[in-house]
């Protein structure tokens, strides 16, 4: 018994091979932009978490500074002429603590603001990657429709969407 030989439907279509290669390239670009998008989202979450931690630490330092200021005010109200008494030593200690907490709070605030800026940058980068990813997915689907409809405008539209998606994804790389 002889074997049945099946010829692929696209063997007589020279454009099918080119469209197949185009689909493969678009799929490759899509995977690169998707991975970059996931990494940008993860980085944004990490920076946002670090920012939140710093803001909590800042708030704790400000509360300690305020507590020291309140204690100083109470000490001044209860012992207004305490220049040489034990209250003077306590007052000096409270003043040093208030200044220390205030300085720490300013330093921590700068750190928190820096993490905020990094998080916003990563969020903008992730948005560009997401848009690029969406356009590349659209390009992949449009190119693949050629194999169903055999219409040449599908790969052309897919190529346009893929070029736009790649450009927007590359724009995400350039964002600083």
C-alpha atoms as a PDB file:
ATOM      1  CA  UNK A   1       0.000   0.000   0.000  1.00  0.00           C
ATOM      2  CA  UNK A   2       1.398   3.396  -0.901  1.00  0.00           C
ATOM      3  CA  UNK A   3       1.514   6.293   1.501  1.00  0.00           C
ATOM      4  CA  UNK A   4      -0.726   9.267   1.078  1.00  0.00           C
ATOM      5  CA  UNK A   5       1.184  12.445   0.457  1.00  0.00           C
ATOM      6  CA  UNK A   6      -0.377  15.606   1.810  1.00  0.00           C
ATOM      7  CA  UNK A   7       0.837  18.892   0.435  1.00  0.00           C
ATOM      8  CA  UNK A   8       0.426  21.946   2.647  1.00  0.00           C
ATOM      9  CA  UNK A   9      -2.089  24.477   1.457  1.00  0.00           C
ATOM     10  CA  UNK A  10       0.480  27.253   1.564  1.00  0.00           C
ATOM     11  CA  UNK A  11       3.037  25.444  -0.600  1.00  0.00           C
ATOM     12  CA  UNK A  12       1.785  27.260  -3.677  1.00  0.00           C
ATOM     13  CA  UNK A  13       1.628  30.631  -1.877  1.00  0.00           C
ATOM     14  CA  UNK A  14       5.045  32.342  -1.862  1.00  0.00           C
ATOM     15  CA  UNK A  15       3.807  35.106   0.440  1.00  0.00           C
ATOM     16  CA  UNK A  16       2.925  32.593   3.157  1.00  0.00           C
ATOM     17  CA  UNK A  17       6.579  31.941   3.965  1.00  0.00           C
ATOM     18  CA  UNK A  18       7.304  35.675   4.286  1.00  0.00           C
ATOM     19  CA  UNK A  19       4.230  36.201   6.451  1.00  0.00           C
ATOM     20  CA  UNK A  20       5.260  33.207   8.574  1.00  0.00           C
ATOM     21  CA  UNK A  21       8.680  34.745   9.153  1.00  0.00           C
ATOM     22  CA  UNK A  22       7.011  38.080   9.927  1.00  0.00           C
ATOM     23  CA  UNK A  23       4.762  36.374  12.497  1.00  0.00           C
ATOM     24  CA  UNK A  24       7.837  34.778  14.089  1.00  0.00           C
ATOM     25  CA  UNK A  25       9.687  38.101  14.313  1.00  0.00           C
ATOM     26  CA  UNK A  26       6.645  39.868  15.749  1.00  0.00           C
ATOM     27  CA  UNK A  27       6.276  37.052  18.290  1.00  0.00           C
ATOM     28  CA  UNK A  28       9.913  37.455  19.291  1.00  0.00           C
ATOM     29  CA  UNK A  29       9.526  41.221  19.711  1.00  0.00           C
ATOM     30  CA  UNK A  30       6.329  40.640  21.674  1.00  0.00           C
ATOM     31  CA  UNK A  31       8.095  38.324  24.103  1.00  0.00           C
ATOM     32  CA  UNK A  32      10.903  40.858  24.667  1.00  0.00           C
ATOM     33  CA  UNK A  33       8.491  43.731  25.318  1.00  0.00           C
ATOM     34  CA  UNK A  34       6.310  41.539  27.562  1.00  0.00           C
ATOM     35  CA  UNK A  35       9.274  40.563  29.736  1.00  0.00           C
ATOM     36  CA  UNK A  36      10.409  44.200  29.901  1.00  0.00           C
ATOM     37  CA  UNK A  37       6.881  45.207  30.900  1.00  0.00           C
ATOM     38  CA  UNK A  38       6.762  42.658  33.711  1.00  0.00           C
ATOM     39  CA  UNK A  39      10.154  43.768  34.993  1.00  0.00           C
ATOM     40  CA  UNK A  40       9.132  47.442  34.897  1.00  0.00           C
ATOM     41  CA  UNK A  41       5.940  46.710  36.835  1.00  0.00           C
ATOM     42  CA  UNK A  42       7.907  44.746  39.433  1.00  0.00           C
ATOM     43  CA  UNK A  43      10.452  47.534  39.748  1.00  0.00           C
ATOM     44  CA  UNK A  44       7.690  50.119  40.167  1.00  0.00           C
ATOM     45  CA  UNK A  45       6.103  48.066  42.948  1.00  0.00           C
ATOM     46  CA  UNK A  46       9.457  47.665  44.703  1.00  0.00           C
ATOM     47  CA  UNK A  47      10.179  51.406  44.512  1.00  0.00           C
ATOM     48  CA  UNK A  48       6.662  52.235  45.700  1.00  0.00           C
ATOM     49  CA  UNK A  49       7.076  49.855  48.652  1.00  0.00           C
ATOM     50  CA  UNK A  50      10.434  51.391  49.547  1.00  0.00           C
ATOM     51  CA  UNK A  51       8.855  54.834  49.308  1.00  0.00           C
ATOM     52  CA  UNK A  52       6.000  53.819  51.605  1.00  0.00           C
ATOM     53  CA  UNK A  53       8.493  52.382  54.097  1.00  0.00           C
ATOM     54  CA  UNK A  54      10.481  55.624  54.061  1.00  0.00           C
ATOM     55  CA  UNK A  55       7.350  57.739  54.506  1.00  0.00           C
ATOM     56  CA  UNK A  56       6.344  55.600  57.502  1.00  0.00           C
ATOM     57  CA  UNK A  57       9.806  56.029  58.972  1.00  0.00           C
ATOM     58  CA  UNK A  58       9.601  59.780  58.297  1.00  0.00           C
ATOM     59  CA  UNK A  59       6.256  59.934  60.072  1.00  0.00           C
ATOM     60  CA  UNK A  60       7.700  58.113  63.099  1.00  0.00           C
ATOM     61  CA  UNK A  61      10.610  60.570  63.274  1.00  0.00           C
ATOM     62  CA  UNK A  62       8.235  63.531  63.003  1.00  0.00           C
ATOM     63  CA  UNK A  63       6.105  62.099  65.825  1.00  0.00           C
ATOM     64  CA  UNK A  64       9.217  61.754  67.994  1.00  0.00           C
ATOM     65  CA  UNK A  65      10.257  65.300  67.117  1.00  0.00           C
ATOM     66  CA  UNK A  66       6.778  66.549  68.007  1.00  0.00           C
ATOM     67  CA  UNK A  67       6.822  64.590  71.274  1.00  0.00           C
ATOM     68  CA  UNK A  68      10.164  66.134  72.208  1.00  0.00           C
ATOM     69  CA  UNK A  69       8.797  69.594  71.355  1.00  0.00           C
ATOM     70  CA  UNK A  70       5.701  68.953  73.475  1.00  0.00           C
ATOM     71  CA  UNK A  71       7.867  67.800  76.387  1.00  0.00           C
ATOM     72  CA  UNK A  72       9.983  70.952  76.025  1.00  0.00           C
ATOM     73  CA  UNK A  73       6.872  73.120  76.061  1.00  0.00           C
ATOM     74  CA  UNK A  74       5.562  71.371  79.156  1.00  0.00           C
ATOM     75  CA  UNK A  75       8.940  71.688  80.885  1.00  0.00           C
ATOM     76  CA  UNK A  76       9.064  75.409  80.080  1.00  0.00           C
ATOM     77  CA  UNK A  77       5.533  75.850  81.412  1.00  0.00           C
ATOM     78  CA  UNK A  78       6.168  73.918  84.620  1.00  0.00           C
ATOM     79  CA  UNK A  79       9.684  75.167  85.351  1.00  0.00           C
ATOM     80  CA  UNK A  80      10.139  78.540  83.619  1.00  0.00           C
ATOM     81  CA  UNK A  81      13.237  79.556  85.612  1.00  0.00           C
ATOM     82  CA  UNK A  82      15.082  76.246  85.521  1.00  0.00           C
ATOM     83  CA  UNK A  83      18.519  77.482  84.478  1.00  0.00           C
ATOM     84  CA  UNK A  84      20.590  75.603  87.048  1.00  0.00           C
ATOM     85  CA  UNK A  85      18.254  72.892  88.208  1.00  0.00           C
ATOM     86  CA  UNK A  86      18.068  69.281  87.013  1.00  0.00           C
ATOM     87  CA  UNK A  87      15.334  70.470  84.645  1.00  0.00           C
ATOM     88  CA  UNK A  88      17.989  72.334  82.623  1.00  0.00           C
ATOM     89  CA  UNK A  89      19.770  69.059  81.879  1.00  0.00           C
ATOM     90  CA  UNK A  90      16.493  67.458  80.861  1.00  0.00           C
ATOM     91  CA  UNK A  91      15.669  70.474  78.706  1.00  0.00           C
ATOM     92  CA  UNK A  92      19.061  70.255  76.971  1.00  0.00           C
ATOM     93  CA  UNK A  93      18.575  66.526  76.348  1.00  0.00           C
ATOM     94  CA  UNK A  94      15.086  67.101  74.912  1.00  0.00           C
ATOM     95  CA  UNK A  95      16.351  69.914  72.665  1.00  0.00           C
ATOM     96  CA  UNK A  96      19.116  67.675  71.296  1.00  0.00           C
ATOM     97  CA  UNK A  97      16.606  64.866  70.696  1.00  0.00           C
ATOM     98  CA  UNK A  98      14.222  67.242  68.909  1.00  0.00           C
ATOM     99  CA  UNK A  99      17.017  68.508  66.644  1.00  0.00           C
ATOM    100  CA  UNK A 100      18.227  64.958  65.989  1.00  0.00           C
ATOM    101  CA  UNK A 101      14.747  63.729  65.039  1.00  0.00           C
ATOM    102  CA  UNK A 102      14.177  66.798  62.858  1.00  0.00           C
ATOM    103  CA  UNK A 103      17.444  66.196  60.972  1.00  0.00           C
ATOM    104  CA  UNK A 104      16.667  62.511  60.542  1.00  0.00           C
ATOM    105  CA  UNK A 105      13.185  63.352  59.288  1.00  0.00           C
ATOM    106  CA  UNK A 106      14.552  65.711  56.615  1.00  0.00           C
ATOM    107  CA  UNK A 107      17.044  63.090  55.406  1.00  0.00           C
ATOM    108  CA  UNK A 108      14.378  60.362  55.342  1.00  0.00           C
ATOM    109  CA  UNK A 109      11.969  62.668  53.496  1.00  0.00           C
ATOM    110  CA  UNK A 110      14.535  63.197  50.724  1.00  0.00           C
ATOM    111  CA  UNK A 111      14.993  59.440  50.464  1.00  0.00           C
ATOM    112  CA  UNK A 112      11.220  58.871  50.289  1.00  0.00           C
ATOM    113  CA  UNK A 113      10.846  61.532  47.591  1.00  0.00           C
ATOM    114  CA  UNK A 114      13.646  59.886  45.614  1.00  0.00           C
ATOM    115  CA  UNK A 115      11.860  56.527  45.765  1.00  0.00           C
ATOM    116  CA  UNK A 116       8.629  58.277  44.713  1.00  0.00           C
ATOM    117  CA  UNK A 117      10.366  59.686  41.629  1.00  0.00           C
ATOM    118  CA  UNK A 118      11.835  56.277  40.767  1.00  0.00           C
ATOM    119  CA  UNK A 119       8.429  54.621  41.155  1.00  0.00           C
ATOM    120  CA  UNK A 120       6.751  57.204  38.899  1.00  0.00           C
ATOM    121  CA  UNK A 121       9.463  56.743  36.261  1.00  0.00           C
ATOM    122  CA  UNK A 122       9.059  52.964  36.336  1.00  0.00           C
ATOM    123  CA  UNK A 123       5.277  53.303  36.140  1.00  0.00           C
ATOM    124  CA  UNK A 124       5.610  55.507  33.037  1.00  0.00           C
ATOM    125  CA  UNK A 125       8.072  53.020  31.536  1.00  0.00           C
ATOM    126  CA  UNK A 126       5.710  50.112  32.277  1.00  0.00           C
ATOM    127  CA  UNK A 127       2.833  51.992  30.636  1.00  0.00           C
ATOM    128  CA  UNK A 128       4.843  52.426  27.444  1.00  0.00           C
ATOM    129  CA  UNK A 129       5.774  48.749  27.479  1.00  0.00           C
ATOM    130  CA  UNK A 130       2.116  47.822  27.987  1.00  0.00           C
ATOM    131  CA  UNK A 131       1.005  49.928  25.022  1.00  0.00           C
ATOM    132  CA  UNK A 132       3.836  48.501  22.915  1.00  0.00           C
ATOM    133  CA  UNK A 133       2.861  45.001  24.007  1.00  0.00           C
ATOM    134  CA  UNK A 134      -0.760  45.592  23.027  1.00  0.00           C
ATOM    135  CA  UNK A 135       0.205  46.873  19.587  1.00  0.00           C
ATOM    136  CA  UNK A 136       2.571  43.947  19.044  1.00  0.00           C
ATOM    137  CA  UNK A 137      -0.201  41.518  20.013  1.00  0.00           C
ATOM    138  CA  UNK A 138      -2.501  43.265  17.565  1.00  0.00           C
ATOM    139  CA  UNK A 139       0.189  43.034  14.886  1.00  0.00           C
ATOM    140  CA  UNK A 140       0.663  39.336  15.575  1.00  0.00           C
ATOM    141  CA  UNK A 141      -3.058  38.629  15.253  1.00  0.00           C
ATOM    142  CA  UNK A 142      -3.411  40.718  12.099  1.00  0.00           C
ATOM    143  CA  UNK A 143      -0.440  38.998  10.464  1.00  0.00           C
ATOM    144  CA  UNK A 144      -1.834  35.589  11.420  1.00  0.00           C
ATOM    145  CA  UNK A 145      -5.180  36.424   9.817  1.00  0.00           C
ATOM    146  CA  UNK A 146      -3.410  36.170   6.466  1.00  0.00           C
ATOM    147  CA  UNK A 147      -3.363  32.387   6.829  1.00  0.00           C
ATOM    148  CA  UNK A 148      -7.148  32.316   7.212  1.00  0.00           C
ATOM    149  CA  UNK A 149      -8.280  35.014   4.793  1.00  0.00           C
ATOM    150  CA  UNK A 150      -5.357  35.104   2.327  1.00  0.00           C
ATOM    151  CA  UNK A 151      -5.712  38.881   2.150  1.00  0.00           C
ATOM    152  CA  UNK A 152      -2.466  40.816   1.860  1.00  0.00           C
ATOM    153  CA  UNK A 153      -3.709  43.832   3.769  1.00  0.00           C
ATOM    154  CA  UNK A 154      -3.693  41.823   7.032  1.00  0.00           C
ATOM    155  CA  UNK A 155       0.107  41.452   7.144  1.00  0.00           C
ATOM    156  CA  UNK A 156       0.482  45.082   6.081  1.00  0.00           C
ATOM    157  CA  UNK A 157      -1.739  46.273   8.935  1.00  0.00           C
ATOM    158  CA  UNK A 158       0.018  43.837  11.261  1.00  0.00           C
ATOM    159  CA  UNK A 159       3.406  45.181  10.236  1.00  0.00           C
ATOM    160  CA  UNK A 160       2.279  48.767  10.868  1.00  0.00           C
ATOM    161  CA  UNK A 161       0.925  47.861  14.322  1.00  0.00           C
ATOM    162  CA  UNK A 162       4.108  45.921  15.083  1.00  0.00           C
ATOM    163  CA  UNK A 163       6.352  48.810  14.061  1.00  0.00           C
ATOM    164  CA  UNK A 164       4.354  51.166  16.278  1.00  0.00           C
ATOM    165  CA  UNK A 165       4.485  48.668  19.161  1.00  0.00           C
ATOM    166  CA  UNK A 166       8.227  48.225  18.775  1.00  0.00           C
ATOM    167  CA  UNK A 167       8.780  51.985  18.651  1.00  0.00           C
ATOM    168  CA  UNK A 168       6.698  52.597  21.778  1.00  0.00           C
ATOM    169  CA  UNK A 169       8.447  49.705  23.549  1.00  0.00           C
ATOM    170  CA  UNK A 170      11.831  51.175  22.602  1.00  0.00           C
ATOM    171  CA  UNK A 171      10.609  54.535  23.909  1.00  0.00           C
ATOM    172  CA  UNK A 172      10.142  52.826  27.274  1.00  0.00           C
ATOM    173  CA  UNK A 173      13.797  51.781  27.202  1.00  0.00           C
ATOM    174  CA  UNK A 174      14.895  55.368  26.601  1.00  0.00           C
ATOM    175  CA  UNK A 175      12.842  56.791  29.463  1.00  0.00           C
ATOM    176  CA  UNK A 176      14.983  58.025  32.350  1.00  0.00           C
END
